[in-house]
Amino acid sequence: MAQGDASQSGSQAAAAAKSPKVGLFVTCLVDMFRPSIGFAALKLLEDAGCTVIVPAEQTCCGQPAFNSGDNKDTRAVAAQVIEAFEGLDYVVAPSGSCAGMIREHYPELFADDPAMAQRAQHVAKRTYELTSFLVDVLGVTSVDAEMAGTVTYHDSCSGLRELEVKAQPRRLLAGVKGLSVTELPGAEVCCGFGGTFCVKYPEISDKMVTNKAEEIVATGADTLLAGDLGCLLNMAGKLKRLGAETKVRHVAEVLAGMTDTPAIGDPAASLSTKER
C-alpha cells in the first residue's frame, strides 16, 4: 500500500471511530404510538457525533412471543433483526425492555445453532439502551436542553434489572437547564405493565399501577419521566383516570429539548376543533 493510501485509510479509521455507525432500533410502540421519541433519540445520537442508520427491515424485537413461550416465532423475528443490524457498530434503542431482549435473550434463543448463536452474540454485545449508550459508551456528560419544572423518574424493570440503567438518565437530566429532579419512592417497583403480565393478571396490574400513580402525585412533580414507552402508557392512563394533572414524557424527549409535542395521553393541541 502506498504511503498516501495508508494515510487516507488511517484518516478514515479515525473518522469512523469518532462517528460510530449506530443502528436505531425504534421499537414497535414508539413507531406506532409516539414517533417523537424516535426523533428525539435520533437527535441525541447525532448531537453526540454518531452516524445514525434506521434499517427499514427492522421489526418487533420478539419479546411478546418470547414472554409467551413461543420460541419458534421469536427465533424467526430475532433472525430478521440480526440480519438488519449486524453490520453496524452499535444498536441503540430508546427502551431498556427491547434492548434487554436483544442483549440478554437473543444468544440463548440460538443455543442449538452455533452459526446463528455467533451472529446473535455479535449483535447482542453491541446493543444498548439509549441513555446507557450516551453515558457509558460515548462518555456524554451533558446535553443542550432546557425545561422549566420538576420531574420525577420511574426505573423500568428490564432496563434496571437486565442492563443496570439507573444513574445514566439522572446524570443527563441533572444538566437540563431549569429542571429539578425529585426522587420517586419505590422508583424501582414495577408499574404493573410487564408486557403480557397486564393482560394475564389485570387486577394485580391495576393495583400496582394505582399505587404507582398515587406515589407519583405525592411527589408534587409536574412531569413523570421514564425510558420505556410501555410503562409510560400504563402510568399515563392511570394518572388520567385518577384525574391527576401530572404530565408524562419519555426521558429522550426532555434530553433532546423536544417537548413541544403534547405529553403522553394529552390531546393533540395542534388539531383544530373541526379536525378532532
Protein backbone atom coordinates (compact mmCIF):
# COMPACT_ATOMS: atom_id res chain seq x y z
CA MET A 1 0.00 0.00 0.00
CA ALA A 2 1.35 3.44 -0.93
CA GLN A 3 2.07 5.88 1.87
CA GLY A 4 -0.75 8.15 0.69
CA ASP A 5 -3.20 5.24 0.69
CA ALA A 6 -2.12 4.23 4.19
CA SER A 7 -2.55 7.79 5.42
CA GLN A 8 -6.02 8.00 3.85
CA SER A 9 -7.01 4.65 5.35
CA GLY A 10 -5.83 5.81 8.77
CA SER A 11 -7.85 9.01 8.47
CA GLN A 12 -10.94 7.06 7.51
CA ALA A 13 -10.49 4.74 10.50
CA ALA A 14 -10.07 7.72 12.82
CA ALA A 15 -13.20 9.36 11.39
CA ALA A 16 -15.15 6.12 11.86
CA ALA A 17 -14.01 5.90 15.47
CA LYS A 18 -15.23 9.45 16.09
CA SER A 19 -18.52 8.87 14.29
CA PRO A 20 -19.68 5.32 15.03
CA LYS A 21 -22.40 3.85 12.83
CA VAL A 22 -25.36 3.36 15.13
CA GLY A 23 -28.46 1.40 14.18
CA LEU A 24 -31.50 2.95 15.83
CA PHE A 25 -33.91 0.22 16.95
CA VAL A 26 -37.07 2.32 17.03
CA THR A 27 -39.33 -0.24 18.83
CA CYS A 28 -42.92 -1.09 17.93
CA LEU A 29 -44.58 1.14 20.49
CA VAL A 30 -42.54 4.21 19.53
CA ASP A 31 -43.21 3.60 15.84
CA MET A 32 -46.96 3.23 16.28
CA PHE A 33 -47.82 5.44 19.28
CA ARG A 34 -45.11 8.04 19.88
CA PRO A 35 -42.74 8.63 16.93
CA SER A 36 -41.45 11.82 18.60
CA ILE A 37 -39.40 9.58 20.92
CA GLY A 38 -37.63 8.08 17.93
CA PHE A 39 -36.83 11.51 16.52
CA ALA A 40 -35.57 12.63 19.95
CA ALA A 41 -33.29 9.59 20.15
CA LEU A 42 -32.03 10.34 16.64
CA LYS A 43 -31.21 13.94 17.63
CA LEU A 44 -29.37 12.87 20.78
CA LEU A 45 -27.26 10.34 18.90
CA GLU A 46 -26.42 12.76 16.07
CA ASP A 47 -25.60 15.54 18.56
CA ALA A 48 -23.18 13.08 20.18
CA GLY A 49 -21.41 12.60 16.84
CA CYS A 50 -22.94 9.32 15.66
CA THR A 51 -23.89 8.40 12.12
CA VAL A 52 -27.37 7.00 12.62
CA ILE A 53 -28.96 4.37 10.38
CA VAL A 54 -32.58 3.30 10.77
CA PRO A 55 -32.85 -0.06 8.95
CA ALA A 56 -36.21 -0.31 7.20
CA GLU A 57 -36.16 -4.10 7.66
CA GLN A 58 -36.38 -3.89 11.46
CA THR A 59 -39.42 -5.39 13.17
CA CYS A 60 -40.55 -6.12 16.71
CA CYS A 61 -37.75 -7.45 18.96
CA GLY A 62 -39.90 -10.55 19.58
CA GLN A 63 -40.41 -10.01 23.31
CA PRO A 64 -44.22 -10.60 23.39
CA ALA A 65 -43.79 -14.02 21.75
CA PHE A 66 -40.76 -14.82 23.93
CA ASN A 67 -42.62 -13.96 27.14
CA SER A 68 -45.48 -16.20 25.99
CA GLY A 69 -43.18 -19.17 25.47
CA ASP A 70 -43.37 -19.08 21.66
CA ASN A 71 -39.67 -19.55 20.94
CA LYS A 72 -40.22 -20.69 17.35
CA ASP A 73 -41.77 -17.39 16.25
CA THR A 74 -39.36 -15.43 18.47
CA ARG A 75 -36.41 -17.02 16.67
CA ALA A 76 -37.85 -16.01 13.30
CA VAL A 77 -38.29 -12.41 14.46
CA ALA A 78 -34.84 -12.32 16.06
CA ALA A 79 -33.19 -13.65 12.90
CA GLN A 80 -34.62 -10.73 10.90
CA VAL A 81 -33.46 -8.18 13.49
CA ILE A 82 -29.97 -9.70 13.49
CA GLU A 83 -29.87 -9.58 9.69
CA ALA A 84 -30.90 -5.91 9.70
CA PHE A 85 -28.39 -4.71 12.33
CA GLU A 86 -25.32 -6.97 12.30
CA GLY A 87 -23.22 -4.77 10.00
CA LEU A 88 -23.34 -1.75 12.32
CA ASP A 89 -21.02 -0.67 15.13
CA TYR A 90 -23.82 -0.42 17.71
CA VAL A 91 -27.56 -0.99 18.13
CA VAL A 92 -29.35 1.55 20.33
CA ALA A 93 -32.97 1.52 21.48
CA PRO A 94 -34.97 4.14 23.44
CA SER A 95 -36.18 1.21 25.55
CA GLY A 96 -34.46 -0.90 28.18
CA SER A 97 -37.03 -3.60 27.56
CA CYS A 98 -36.27 -4.12 23.86
CA ALA A 99 -32.52 -3.59 24.31
CA GLY A 100 -32.58 -6.14 27.11
CA MET A 101 -34.38 -8.63 24.89
CA ILE A 102 -31.72 -8.35 22.18
CA ARG A 103 -28.75 -8.20 24.53
CA GLU A 104 -29.72 -10.81 27.11
CA HIS A 105 -32.04 -13.25 25.33
CA TYR A 106 -31.11 -13.44 21.63
CA PRO A 107 -27.99 -15.59 22.25
CA GLU A 108 -29.93 -18.13 24.31
CA LEU A 109 -32.56 -18.44 21.58
CA PHE A 110 -29.95 -19.90 19.23
CA ALA A 111 -28.02 -22.03 21.72
CA ASP A 112 -28.54 -25.11 19.49
CA ASP A 113 -27.38 -23.34 16.30
CA PRO A 114 -23.67 -22.37 16.56
CA ALA A 115 -23.65 -20.18 13.44
CA MET A 116 -26.72 -18.18 14.43
CA ALA A 117 -25.59 -18.08 18.08
CA GLN A 118 -22.38 -16.39 16.97
CA ARG A 119 -24.31 -13.82 14.92
CA ALA A 120 -26.74 -13.23 17.80
CA GLN A 121 -23.87 -12.73 20.24
CA HIS A 122 -22.19 -10.28 17.85
CA VAL A 123 -25.30 -8.08 17.77
CA ALA A 124 -26.17 -8.60 21.44
CA LYS A 125 -22.88 -7.33 22.83
CA ARG A 126 -23.20 -4.15 20.72
CA THR A 127 -26.75 -3.36 21.87
CA TYR A 128 -27.51 -0.63 24.42
CA GLU A 129 -30.36 1.32 25.96
CA LEU A 130 -30.20 4.97 24.81
CA THR A 131 -29.06 6.78 27.98
CA SER A 132 -26.63 3.97 28.84
CA PHE A 133 -25.06 4.25 25.38
CA LEU A 134 -24.71 8.03 25.65
CA VAL A 135 -23.13 7.95 29.12
CA ASP A 136 -21.32 4.60 29.33
CA VAL A 137 -20.08 4.24 25.74
CA LEU A 138 -19.80 7.77 24.36
CA GLY A 139 -18.98 9.48 27.66
CA VAL A 140 -21.63 12.18 27.26
CA THR A 141 -21.81 14.25 30.43
CA SER A 142 -24.32 16.93 29.47
CA VAL A 143 -26.97 17.80 26.89
CA ASP A 144 -28.07 21.09 25.37
CA ALA A 145 -31.63 21.18 26.66
CA GLU A 146 -33.87 23.38 28.76
CA MET A 147 -37.15 22.67 30.55
CA ALA A 148 -38.63 24.57 33.46
CA GLY A 149 -40.27 22.46 36.15
CA THR A 150 -39.86 19.47 38.44
CA VAL A 151 -39.77 15.88 37.22
CA THR A 152 -39.72 12.51 38.90
CA TYR A 153 -38.34 9.32 37.35
CA HIS A 154 -39.60 5.72 37.17
CA ASP A 155 -36.99 2.98 36.65
CA SER A 156 -38.40 0.44 34.19
CA CYS A 157 -37.82 -3.19 35.16
CA SER A 158 -35.83 -4.54 32.21
CA GLY A 159 -33.56 -1.51 31.91
CA LEU A 160 -32.84 -1.54 35.64
CA ARG A 161 -32.52 -5.26 36.27
CA GLU A 162 -31.10 -6.57 32.99
CA LEU A 163 -28.99 -3.60 31.87
CA GLU A 164 -28.28 -1.72 35.13
CA VAL A 165 -29.75 1.53 33.82
CA LYS A 166 -30.25 3.74 36.88
CA ALA A 167 -27.71 6.55 37.22
CA GLN A 168 -27.36 7.32 33.49
CA PRO A 169 -30.70 9.12 32.86
CA ARG A 170 -30.41 11.03 36.14
CA ARG A 171 -26.86 12.13 35.27
CA LEU A 172 -28.06 13.61 31.97
CA LEU A 173 -31.21 15.15 33.46
CA ALA A 174 -29.04 16.96 36.03
CA GLY A 175 -27.67 19.06 33.16
CA VAL A 176 -31.02 20.18 31.73
CA LYS A 177 -31.34 23.91 32.38
CA GLY A 178 -34.27 24.90 34.62
CA LEU A 179 -35.10 21.32 35.62
CA SER A 180 -35.30 19.86 39.13
CA VAL A 181 -35.49 16.12 39.80
CA THR A 182 -37.30 14.79 42.84
CA GLU A 183 -36.90 11.09 43.58
CA LEU A 184 -39.92 8.82 43.43
CA PRO A 185 -40.36 6.50 46.44
CA GLY A 186 -40.46 2.99 45.06
CA ALA A 187 -38.98 4.13 41.75
CA GLU A 188 -37.63 0.61 41.21
CA VAL A 189 -41.02 -1.08 41.80
CA CYS A 190 -42.76 -2.37 38.66
CA CYS A 191 -45.60 -0.21 37.35
CA GLY A 192 -47.69 -3.32 36.63
CA PHE A 193 -47.39 -3.23 32.83
CA GLY A 194 -44.94 -6.06 32.19
CA GLY A 195 -46.00 -6.69 28.58
CA THR A 196 -48.38 -9.63 28.68
CA PHE A 197 -48.49 -9.50 32.51
CA CYS A 198 -51.12 -6.74 32.44
CA VAL A 199 -53.24 -8.90 30.12
CA LYS A 200 -52.90 -12.13 32.09
CA TYR A 201 -53.30 -10.55 35.53
CA PRO A 202 -55.34 -7.34 35.06
CA GLU A 203 -56.49 -6.98 38.68
CA ILE A 204 -52.95 -7.28 40.08
CA SER A 205 -51.63 -4.98 37.35
CA ASP A 206 -54.28 -2.35 38.12
CA LYS A 207 -53.45 -2.39 41.84
CA MET A 208 -49.75 -1.97 41.08
CA VAL A 209 -50.23 0.97 38.72
CA THR A 210 -52.72 2.59 41.11
CA ASN A 211 -50.12 2.51 43.89
CA LYS A 212 -47.51 3.85 41.48
CA ALA A 213 -49.74 6.72 40.30
CA GLU A 214 -50.55 7.77 43.86
CA GLU A 215 -46.84 7.86 44.71
CA ILE A 216 -46.12 9.93 41.60
CA VAL A 217 -48.77 12.51 42.53
CA ALA A 218 -47.47 12.64 46.11
CA THR A 219 -44.01 13.76 44.91
CA GLY A 220 -45.53 17.04 43.69
CA ALA A 221 -43.58 16.76 40.43
CA ASP A 222 -45.33 18.22 37.43
CA THR A 223 -43.85 15.65 34.99
CA LEU A 224 -43.16 11.92 35.16
CA LEU A 225 -40.29 10.54 33.06
CA ALA A 226 -39.13 7.01 32.20
CA GLY A 227 -37.23 5.23 29.47
CA ASP A 228 -39.83 2.71 28.26
CA LEU A 229 -43.00 3.70 26.42
CA GLY A 230 -44.96 0.65 27.61
CA CYS A 231 -44.54 1.72 31.24
CA LEU A 232 -45.27 5.35 30.35
CA LEU A 233 -48.53 4.50 28.54
CA ASN A 234 -49.61 2.38 31.50
CA MET A 235 -48.87 5.08 34.09
CA ALA A 236 -50.22 7.94 31.94
CA GLY A 237 -53.52 6.11 31.54
CA LYS A 238 -53.92 5.54 35.27
CA LEU A 239 -52.93 9.13 36.11
CA LYS A 240 -55.59 10.38 33.68
CA ARG A 241 -58.26 8.11 35.16
CA LEU A 242 -57.39 9.38 38.65
CA GLY A 243 -57.78 12.96 37.43
CA ALA A 244 -54.12 13.84 38.08
CA GLU A 245 -52.55 16.75 36.19
CA THR A 246 -49.08 15.18 36.04
CA LYS A 247 -47.57 15.27 32.55
CA VAL A 248 -45.88 12.12 31.23
CA ARG A 249 -42.95 12.03 28.82
CA HIS A 250 -40.13 9.78 27.66
CA VAL A 251 -36.78 10.93 29.02
CA ALA A 252 -35.36 11.22 25.47
CA GLU A 253 -37.85 13.98 24.61
CA VAL A 254 -36.64 16.10 27.54
CA LEU A 255 -32.93 15.42 26.97
CA ALA A 256 -33.30 16.34 23.29
CA GLY A 257 -35.19 19.55 24.13
CA MET A 258 -38.15 18.27 22.09
CA THR A 259 -41.08 18.91 24.41
CA ASP A 260 -43.22 20.89 22.01
CA THR A 261 -45.48 17.89 21.37
CA PRO A 262 -48.38 17.20 23.77
CA ALA A 263 -47.46 14.98 26.69
CA ILE A 264 -48.37 11.28 26.53
CA GLY A 265 -52.13 10.90 26.84
CA ASP A 266 -52.82 14.61 26.30
CA PRO A 267 -54.98 15.65 23.32
CA ALA A 268 -53.17 16.87 20.22
CA ALA A 269 -53.18 20.60 20.79
CA SER A 270 -52.24 21.22 17.19
CA LEU A 271 -55.54 19.83 15.94
CA SER A 272 -58.28 22.33 15.42
CA THR A 273 -61.72 21.74 16.91
CA LYS A 274 -63.02 20.91 13.41
CA GLU A 275 -60.27 18.32 12.86
CA ARG A 276 -60.99 16.48 16.12
